[in-house]
């Protein structure tokens, strides 16, 4: 078997250490390990790093209810409106999960409540969250 190289026109093999580091960073976002995750981003991990489903670090932190982690990622340039492969945004995910503090962090950082499919405002309507609908419509 030939090792992939740029010369033979195949994709280079993924470095197992890089894959392991990426998995660790995604876990940090899910766990809300704000300081450690922020240190990785400060050291060069992209703030908009996404997994094989298009979930960014901010999406994972938002979905798992970690407002401080979301704020740290946003402060480091994470895109609050970047949708995953299913068209979901971090704001819509936070609305779906009932993570009010995360919703506020994202919204205050300029997240668009009409972005994504379904959007955050559509999700709020679907789940009868009239306070969030009012917030989003008042923008």
N, C-alpha and C. Protein backbone atom coordinates (compact mmCIF):
# COMPACT_ATOMS: atom_id res chain seq x y z
N UNK A 1 0.84 -1.18 0.00
CA UNK A 1 0.00 0.00 0.00
C UNK A 1 0.88 1.24 0.00
N UNK A 2 0.51 2.19 -0.78
CA UNK A 2 1.28 3.42 -0.91
C UNK A 2 0.82 4.43 0.13
N UNK A 3 1.74 5.09 0.76
CA UNK A 3 1.41 6.16 1.69
C UNK A 3 0.93 7.37 0.90
N UNK A 4 -0.14 8.00 1.32
CA UNK A 4 -0.62 9.19 0.62
C UNK A 4 0.39 10.33 0.70
N UNK A 5 0.64 10.94 -0.43
CA UNK A 5 1.54 12.09 -0.49
C UNK A 5 0.97 13.08 -1.50
N UNK A 6 1.41 14.33 -1.42
CA UNK A 6 0.96 15.30 -2.43
C UNK A 6 1.38 14.88 -3.84
N UNK A 7 2.50 14.17 -3.96
CA UNK A 7 3.00 13.79 -5.27
C UNK A 7 2.12 12.74 -5.95
N UNK A 8 1.50 11.83 -5.19
CA UNK A 8 0.70 10.79 -5.84
C UNK A 8 -0.78 11.18 -5.92
N UNK A 9 -1.08 12.43 -5.58
CA UNK A 9 -2.41 12.95 -5.81
C UNK A 9 -3.48 12.51 -4.83
N UNK A 10 -3.11 11.91 -3.73
CA UNK A 10 -4.11 11.50 -2.75
C UNK A 10 -4.04 12.41 -1.55
N UNK A 11 -5.09 12.40 -0.80
CA UNK A 11 -5.14 13.21 0.43
C UNK A 11 -4.10 12.70 1.42
N UNK A 12 -3.45 13.59 2.15
CA UNK A 12 -2.54 13.12 3.19
C UNK A 12 -3.32 12.47 4.33
N UNK A 13 -2.70 11.50 4.95
CA UNK A 13 -3.33 10.84 6.09
C UNK A 13 -3.45 11.85 7.23
N UNK A 14 -4.53 11.77 7.98
CA UNK A 14 -4.70 12.65 9.12
C UNK A 14 -3.79 12.19 10.25
N UNK A 15 -3.13 13.14 10.85
CA UNK A 15 -2.23 12.86 11.95
C UNK A 15 -3.07 12.45 13.17
N UNK A 16 -2.84 11.25 13.71
CA UNK A 16 -3.64 10.80 14.87
C UNK A 16 -3.56 11.76 16.06
N UNK A 17 -2.42 12.42 16.23
CA UNK A 17 -2.30 13.37 17.34
C UNK A 17 -3.18 14.59 17.13
N UNK A 18 -3.31 15.03 15.89
CA UNK A 18 -4.18 16.17 15.59
C UNK A 18 -5.64 15.79 15.82
N UNK A 19 -6.00 14.60 15.38
CA UNK A 19 -7.37 14.12 15.59
C UNK A 19 -7.67 13.99 17.08
N UNK A 20 -6.73 13.50 17.84
CA UNK A 20 -6.91 13.35 19.28
C UNK A 20 -7.05 14.73 19.95
N UNK A 21 -6.24 15.69 19.52
CA UNK A 21 -6.33 17.05 20.06
C UNK A 21 -7.69 17.67 19.73
N UNK A 22 -8.14 17.50 18.49
CA UNK A 22 -9.44 18.06 18.11
C UNK A 22 -10.56 17.45 18.95
N UNK A 23 -10.51 16.14 19.17
CA UNK A 23 -11.54 15.48 20.00
C UNK A 23 -11.52 16.06 21.41
N UNK A 24 -10.32 16.30 21.93
CA UNK A 24 -10.20 16.87 23.28
C UNK A 24 -10.80 18.28 23.33
N UNK A 25 -10.52 19.07 22.32
CA UNK A 25 -11.03 20.45 22.28
C UNK A 25 -12.55 20.45 22.18
N UNK A 26 -13.12 19.56 21.37
CA UNK A 26 -14.59 19.48 21.28
C UNK A 26 -15.18 19.05 22.63
N UNK A 27 -14.53 18.13 23.32
CA UNK A 27 -14.99 17.72 24.65
C UNK A 27 -14.94 18.87 25.64
N UNK A 28 -13.89 19.69 25.55
CA UNK A 28 -13.79 20.85 26.44
C UNK A 28 -14.97 21.80 26.23
N UNK A 29 -15.37 21.99 24.98
CA UNK A 29 -16.52 22.85 24.69
C UNK A 29 -17.80 22.24 25.27
N UNK A 30 -17.97 20.93 25.10
CA UNK A 30 -19.17 20.26 25.63
C UNK A 30 -19.23 20.34 27.16
N UNK A 31 -18.06 20.26 27.80
CA UNK A 31 -17.97 20.24 29.26
C UNK A 31 -17.98 21.64 29.87
N UNK A 32 -17.79 22.65 29.05
CA UNK A 32 -17.74 24.02 29.57
C UNK A 32 -16.45 24.33 30.30
N UNK A 33 -15.36 23.73 29.87
CA UNK A 33 -14.04 23.98 30.47
C UNK A 33 -13.48 25.28 29.87
N UNK A 34 -14.05 26.38 30.29
CA UNK A 34 -13.80 27.68 29.68
C UNK A 34 -12.33 28.06 29.63
N UNK A 35 -11.66 28.03 30.77
CA UNK A 35 -10.27 28.50 30.82
C UNK A 35 -9.36 27.65 29.95
N UNK A 36 -9.52 26.34 30.01
CA UNK A 36 -8.66 25.45 29.22
C UNK A 36 -8.95 25.62 27.74
N UNK A 37 -10.21 25.68 27.37
CA UNK A 37 -10.58 25.85 25.97
C UNK A 37 -10.07 27.20 25.45
N UNK A 38 -10.24 28.24 26.24
CA UNK A 38 -9.76 29.57 25.84
C UNK A 38 -8.25 29.56 25.62
N UNK A 39 -7.53 28.84 26.47
CA UNK A 39 -6.07 28.74 26.32
C UNK A 39 -5.70 28.06 25.00
N UNK A 40 -6.44 27.02 24.63
CA UNK A 40 -6.19 26.35 23.35
C UNK A 40 -6.45 27.29 22.18
N UNK A 41 -7.54 28.04 22.26
CA UNK A 41 -7.86 28.98 21.18
C UNK A 41 -6.80 30.07 21.13
N UNK A 42 -6.41 30.57 22.29
CA UNK A 42 -5.36 31.59 22.34
C UNK A 42 -4.03 31.07 21.78
N UNK A 43 -3.82 29.76 21.88
CA UNK A 43 -2.58 29.15 21.39
C UNK A 43 -2.65 28.79 19.90
N UNK A 44 -3.82 29.00 19.28
CA UNK A 44 -3.89 28.78 17.84
C UNK A 44 -4.99 27.87 17.32
N UNK A 45 -5.72 27.20 18.21
CA UNK A 45 -6.85 26.40 17.74
C UNK A 45 -7.89 27.38 17.19
N UNK A 46 -8.40 27.15 15.99
CA UNK A 46 -9.37 28.08 15.41
C UNK A 46 -10.64 28.21 16.26
N UNK A 47 -11.07 29.43 16.49
CA UNK A 47 -12.29 29.67 17.28
C UNK A 47 -13.52 29.08 16.59
N UNK A 48 -13.46 28.92 15.27
CA UNK A 48 -14.58 28.36 14.51
C UNK A 48 -14.34 26.92 14.09
N UNK A 49 -13.47 26.22 14.80
CA UNK A 49 -13.23 24.81 14.51
C UNK A 49 -14.55 24.05 14.54
N UNK A 50 -14.77 23.18 13.55
CA UNK A 50 -16.00 22.40 13.53
C UNK A 50 -15.70 20.92 13.36
N UNK A 51 -16.62 20.11 13.84
CA UNK A 51 -16.45 18.66 13.76
C UNK A 51 -17.03 18.11 12.46
N UNK A 52 -17.11 16.81 12.36
CA UNK A 52 -17.56 16.17 11.12
C UNK A 52 -19.05 16.39 10.84
N UNK A 53 -19.78 16.98 11.77
CA UNK A 53 -21.19 17.32 11.55
C UNK A 53 -21.38 18.83 11.40
N UNK A 54 -20.27 19.56 11.35
CA UNK A 54 -20.34 21.00 11.20
C UNK A 54 -20.60 21.75 12.48
N UNK A 55 -20.62 21.04 13.62
CA UNK A 55 -20.82 21.71 14.90
C UNK A 55 -19.54 22.43 15.31
N UNK A 56 -19.64 23.73 15.53
CA UNK A 56 -18.50 24.51 15.98
C UNK A 56 -18.35 24.38 17.49
N UNK A 57 -17.24 24.89 17.99
CA UNK A 57 -17.03 24.89 19.43
C UNK A 57 -18.13 25.68 20.13
N UNK A 58 -18.52 26.82 19.56
CA UNK A 58 -19.57 27.63 20.19
C UNK A 58 -20.92 26.90 20.13
N UNK A 59 -21.17 26.16 19.07
CA UNK A 59 -22.41 25.37 19.00
C UNK A 59 -22.44 24.33 20.12
N UNK A 60 -21.34 23.62 20.31
CA UNK A 60 -21.29 22.59 21.35
C UNK A 60 -21.43 23.19 22.74
N UNK A 61 -20.75 24.31 22.98
CA UNK A 61 -20.85 24.96 24.28
C UNK A 61 -22.26 25.49 24.52
N UNK A 62 -22.88 26.05 23.48
CA UNK A 62 -24.24 26.59 23.60
C UNK A 62 -25.23 25.47 23.87
N UNK A 63 -25.15 24.41 23.10
CA UNK A 63 -26.10 23.31 23.21
C UNK A 63 -26.02 22.63 24.57
N UNK A 64 -24.82 22.62 25.15
CA UNK A 64 -24.63 21.97 26.44
C UNK A 64 -24.74 22.94 27.62
N UNK A 65 -25.14 24.18 27.34
CA UNK A 65 -25.50 25.11 28.41
C UNK A 65 -24.35 25.76 29.15
N UNK A 66 -23.35 26.23 28.44
CA UNK A 66 -22.19 26.84 29.08
C UNK A 66 -22.01 28.30 28.63
N UNK A 67 -22.73 29.23 29.26
CA UNK A 67 -22.68 30.62 28.82
C UNK A 67 -21.29 31.25 28.91
N UNK A 68 -20.53 30.92 29.94
CA UNK A 68 -19.18 31.51 30.06
C UNK A 68 -18.26 31.01 28.95
N UNK A 69 -18.42 29.77 28.58
CA UNK A 69 -17.61 29.22 27.49
C UNK A 69 -18.01 29.87 26.17
N UNK A 70 -19.32 30.02 25.97
CA UNK A 70 -19.81 30.70 24.77
C UNK A 70 -19.23 32.11 24.70
N UNK A 71 -19.28 32.85 25.81
CA UNK A 71 -18.77 34.23 25.85
C UNK A 71 -17.28 34.26 25.53
N UNK A 72 -16.52 33.32 26.09
CA UNK A 72 -15.07 33.28 25.84
C UNK A 72 -14.77 33.02 24.37
N UNK A 73 -15.53 32.11 23.76
CA UNK A 73 -15.31 31.81 22.34
C UNK A 73 -15.71 32.99 21.46
N UNK A 74 -16.82 33.63 21.79
CA UNK A 74 -17.24 34.80 21.03
C UNK A 74 -16.20 35.92 21.13
N UNK A 75 -15.64 36.10 22.31
CA UNK A 75 -14.61 37.12 22.52
C UNK A 75 -13.36 36.83 21.70
N UNK A 76 -13.19 35.58 21.31
CA UNK A 76 -12.02 35.16 20.53
C UNK A 76 -12.34 34.99 19.05
N UNK A 77 -13.49 35.52 18.64
CA UNK A 77 -13.80 35.55 17.21
C UNK A 77 -14.71 34.46 16.69
N UNK A 78 -15.29 33.64 17.56
CA UNK A 78 -16.21 32.61 17.08
C UNK A 78 -17.44 33.26 16.45
N UNK A 79 -17.92 32.68 15.37
CA UNK A 79 -19.07 33.20 14.64
C UNK A 79 -20.36 32.72 15.33
N UNK A 80 -21.17 33.62 15.88
CA UNK A 80 -22.38 33.20 16.59
C UNK A 80 -23.46 32.66 15.66
N UNK A 81 -23.33 32.90 14.36
CA UNK A 81 -24.37 32.49 13.41
C UNK A 81 -23.97 31.31 12.52
N UNK A 82 -22.81 30.76 12.75
CA UNK A 82 -22.37 29.66 11.88
C UNK A 82 -23.22 28.42 12.12
N UNK A 83 -23.89 27.98 11.09
CA UNK A 83 -24.77 26.82 11.23
C UNK A 83 -24.00 25.52 10.98
N UNK A 84 -24.55 24.44 11.53
CA UNK A 84 -23.95 23.13 11.31
C UNK A 84 -24.48 22.54 10.00
N UNK A 85 -24.13 21.30 9.74
CA UNK A 85 -24.53 20.66 8.48
C UNK A 85 -26.04 20.47 8.35
N UNK A 86 -26.75 20.59 9.45
CA UNK A 86 -28.22 20.46 9.43
C UNK A 86 -28.91 21.83 9.38
N UNK A 87 -28.12 22.89 9.27
CA UNK A 87 -28.67 24.23 9.18
C UNK A 87 -29.00 24.86 10.52
N UNK A 88 -28.59 24.24 11.62
CA UNK A 88 -28.89 24.75 12.96
C UNK A 88 -27.81 25.72 13.42
N UNK A 89 -28.24 26.78 14.08
CA UNK A 89 -27.30 27.76 14.63
C UNK A 89 -27.16 27.55 16.13
N UNK A 90 -26.11 28.09 16.73
CA UNK A 90 -25.97 27.99 18.18
C UNK A 90 -27.15 28.62 18.93
N UNK A 91 -27.67 29.73 18.42
CA UNK A 91 -28.80 30.39 19.09
C UNK A 91 -30.03 29.49 19.07
N UNK A 92 -30.34 28.90 17.94
CA UNK A 92 -31.49 27.99 17.86
C UNK A 92 -31.29 26.77 18.76
N UNK A 93 -30.06 26.27 18.82
CA UNK A 93 -29.77 25.13 19.70
C UNK A 93 -29.99 25.48 21.16
N UNK A 94 -29.57 26.68 21.55
CA UNK A 94 -29.74 27.12 22.93
C UNK A 94 -31.22 27.32 23.26
N UNK A 95 -31.99 27.84 22.30
CA UNK A 95 -33.43 27.99 22.51
C UNK A 95 -34.06 26.61 22.69
N UNK A 96 -33.72 25.68 21.81
CA UNK A 96 -34.25 24.32 21.86
C UNK A 96 -33.97 23.66 23.21
N UNK A 97 -32.76 23.84 23.72
CA UNK A 97 -32.37 23.22 24.99
C UNK A 97 -32.84 24.01 26.21
N UNK A 98 -33.43 25.18 26.01
CA UNK A 98 -33.90 25.99 27.13
C UNK A 98 -32.78 26.64 27.92
N UNK A 99 -31.69 26.94 27.26
CA UNK A 99 -30.52 27.54 27.91
C UNK A 99 -30.60 29.06 27.80
N UNK A 100 -31.37 29.66 28.71
CA UNK A 100 -31.67 31.09 28.66
C UNK A 100 -30.40 31.97 28.76
N UNK A 101 -29.47 31.61 29.63
CA UNK A 101 -28.24 32.41 29.76
C UNK A 101 -27.42 32.37 28.48
N UNK A 102 -27.37 31.21 27.86
CA UNK A 102 -26.64 31.07 26.60
C UNK A 102 -27.34 31.89 25.51
N UNK A 103 -28.66 31.83 25.48
CA UNK A 103 -29.43 32.62 24.52
C UNK A 103 -29.05 34.09 24.65
N UNK A 104 -29.01 34.59 25.89
CA UNK A 104 -28.66 36.00 26.13
C UNK A 104 -27.25 36.33 25.66
N UNK A 105 -26.29 35.45 25.97
CA UNK A 105 -24.90 35.67 25.53
C UNK A 105 -24.83 35.81 24.01
N UNK A 106 -25.45 34.86 23.32
CA UNK A 106 -25.41 34.86 21.86
C UNK A 106 -26.15 36.07 21.29
N UNK A 107 -27.33 36.33 21.80
CA UNK A 107 -28.14 37.43 21.29
C UNK A 107 -27.43 38.77 21.53
N UNK A 108 -26.89 38.95 22.73
CA UNK A 108 -26.19 40.19 23.05
C UNK A 108 -24.93 40.37 22.20
N UNK A 109 -24.37 39.25 21.71
CA UNK A 109 -23.18 39.30 20.86
C UNK A 109 -23.55 39.50 19.39
N UNK A 110 -24.85 39.63 19.11
CA UNK A 110 -25.27 39.91 17.75
C UNK A 110 -25.75 38.73 16.94
N UNK A 111 -25.98 37.58 17.59
CA UNK A 111 -26.49 36.42 16.86
C UNK A 111 -27.84 36.76 16.23
N UNK A 112 -28.03 36.32 15.01
CA UNK A 112 -29.24 36.61 14.25
C UNK A 112 -30.32 35.58 14.56
N UNK A 113 -31.43 35.99 15.18
CA UNK A 113 -32.48 35.04 15.53
C UNK A 113 -33.24 34.48 14.33
N UNK A 114 -33.01 35.06 13.14
CA UNK A 114 -33.68 34.56 11.94
C UNK A 114 -32.79 33.63 11.12
N UNK A 115 -31.55 33.45 11.54
CA UNK A 115 -30.61 32.59 10.79
C UNK A 115 -30.88 31.12 11.09
N UNK A 116 -30.57 30.29 10.13
CA UNK A 116 -30.65 28.84 10.32
C UNK A 116 -32.01 28.26 10.04
N UNK A 117 -32.05 26.92 10.09
CA UNK A 117 -33.27 26.17 9.81
C UNK A 117 -33.43 25.05 10.82
N UNK A 118 -34.41 25.07 11.70
CA UNK A 118 -35.27 26.23 11.93
C UNK A 118 -34.48 27.32 12.64
N UNK A 119 -34.94 28.54 12.48
CA UNK A 119 -34.25 29.66 13.13
C UNK A 119 -34.57 29.66 14.63
N UNK A 120 -33.87 30.50 15.35
CA UNK A 120 -34.11 30.62 16.80
C UNK A 120 -35.53 31.13 17.07
N UNK A 121 -35.97 32.08 16.27
CA UNK A 121 -37.32 32.61 16.50
C UNK A 121 -38.38 31.55 16.17
N UNK A 122 -38.16 30.78 15.12
CA UNK A 122 -39.09 29.69 14.80
C UNK A 122 -39.10 28.64 15.91
N UNK A 123 -37.92 28.35 16.44
CA UNK A 123 -37.81 27.38 17.53
C UNK A 123 -38.53 27.90 18.77
N UNK A 124 -38.36 29.17 19.07
CA UNK A 124 -39.04 29.78 20.23
C UNK A 124 -40.55 29.70 20.06
N UNK A 125 -41.02 29.98 18.86
CA UNK A 125 -42.47 29.89 18.60
C UNK A 125 -42.95 28.44 18.76
N UNK A 126 -42.18 27.50 18.21
CA UNK A 126 -42.54 26.09 18.25
C UNK A 126 -42.70 25.59 19.68
N UNK A 127 -41.86 26.08 20.59
CA UNK A 127 -41.89 25.62 21.97
C UNK A 127 -42.62 26.58 22.91
N UNK A 128 -43.34 27.54 22.35
CA UNK A 128 -44.15 28.44 23.15
C UNK A 128 -43.36 29.34 24.07
N UNK A 129 -42.18 29.74 23.67
CA UNK A 129 -41.33 30.61 24.50
C UNK A 129 -41.58 32.06 24.07
N UNK A 130 -42.73 32.56 24.51
CA UNK A 130 -43.16 33.89 24.08
C UNK A 130 -42.20 35.00 24.51
N UNK A 131 -41.53 34.83 25.65
CA UNK A 131 -40.57 35.84 26.09
C UNK A 131 -39.41 35.96 25.11
N UNK A 132 -38.97 34.81 24.57
CA UNK A 132 -37.87 34.85 23.59
C UNK A 132 -38.35 35.38 22.25
N UNK A 133 -39.57 35.02 21.87
CA UNK A 133 -40.12 35.56 20.62
C UNK A 133 -40.16 37.08 20.71
N UNK A 134 -40.63 37.60 21.83
CA UNK A 134 -40.69 39.05 22.04
C UNK A 134 -39.29 39.66 22.00
N UNK A 135 -38.35 39.01 22.63
CA UNK A 135 -36.96 39.50 22.63
C UNK A 135 -36.43 39.57 21.19
N UNK A 136 -36.61 38.50 20.46
CA UNK A 136 -36.08 38.42 19.09
C UNK A 136 -36.78 39.39 18.14
N UNK A 137 -38.08 39.56 18.32
CA UNK A 137 -38.83 40.46 17.44
C UNK A 137 -38.55 41.92 17.78
N UNK A 138 -38.14 42.20 19.01
CA UNK A 138 -37.86 43.56 19.43
C UNK A 138 -36.52 44.09 18.99
N UNK A 139 -35.73 43.26 18.38
CA UNK A 139 -34.38 43.66 17.97
C UNK A 139 -34.39 44.79 17.00
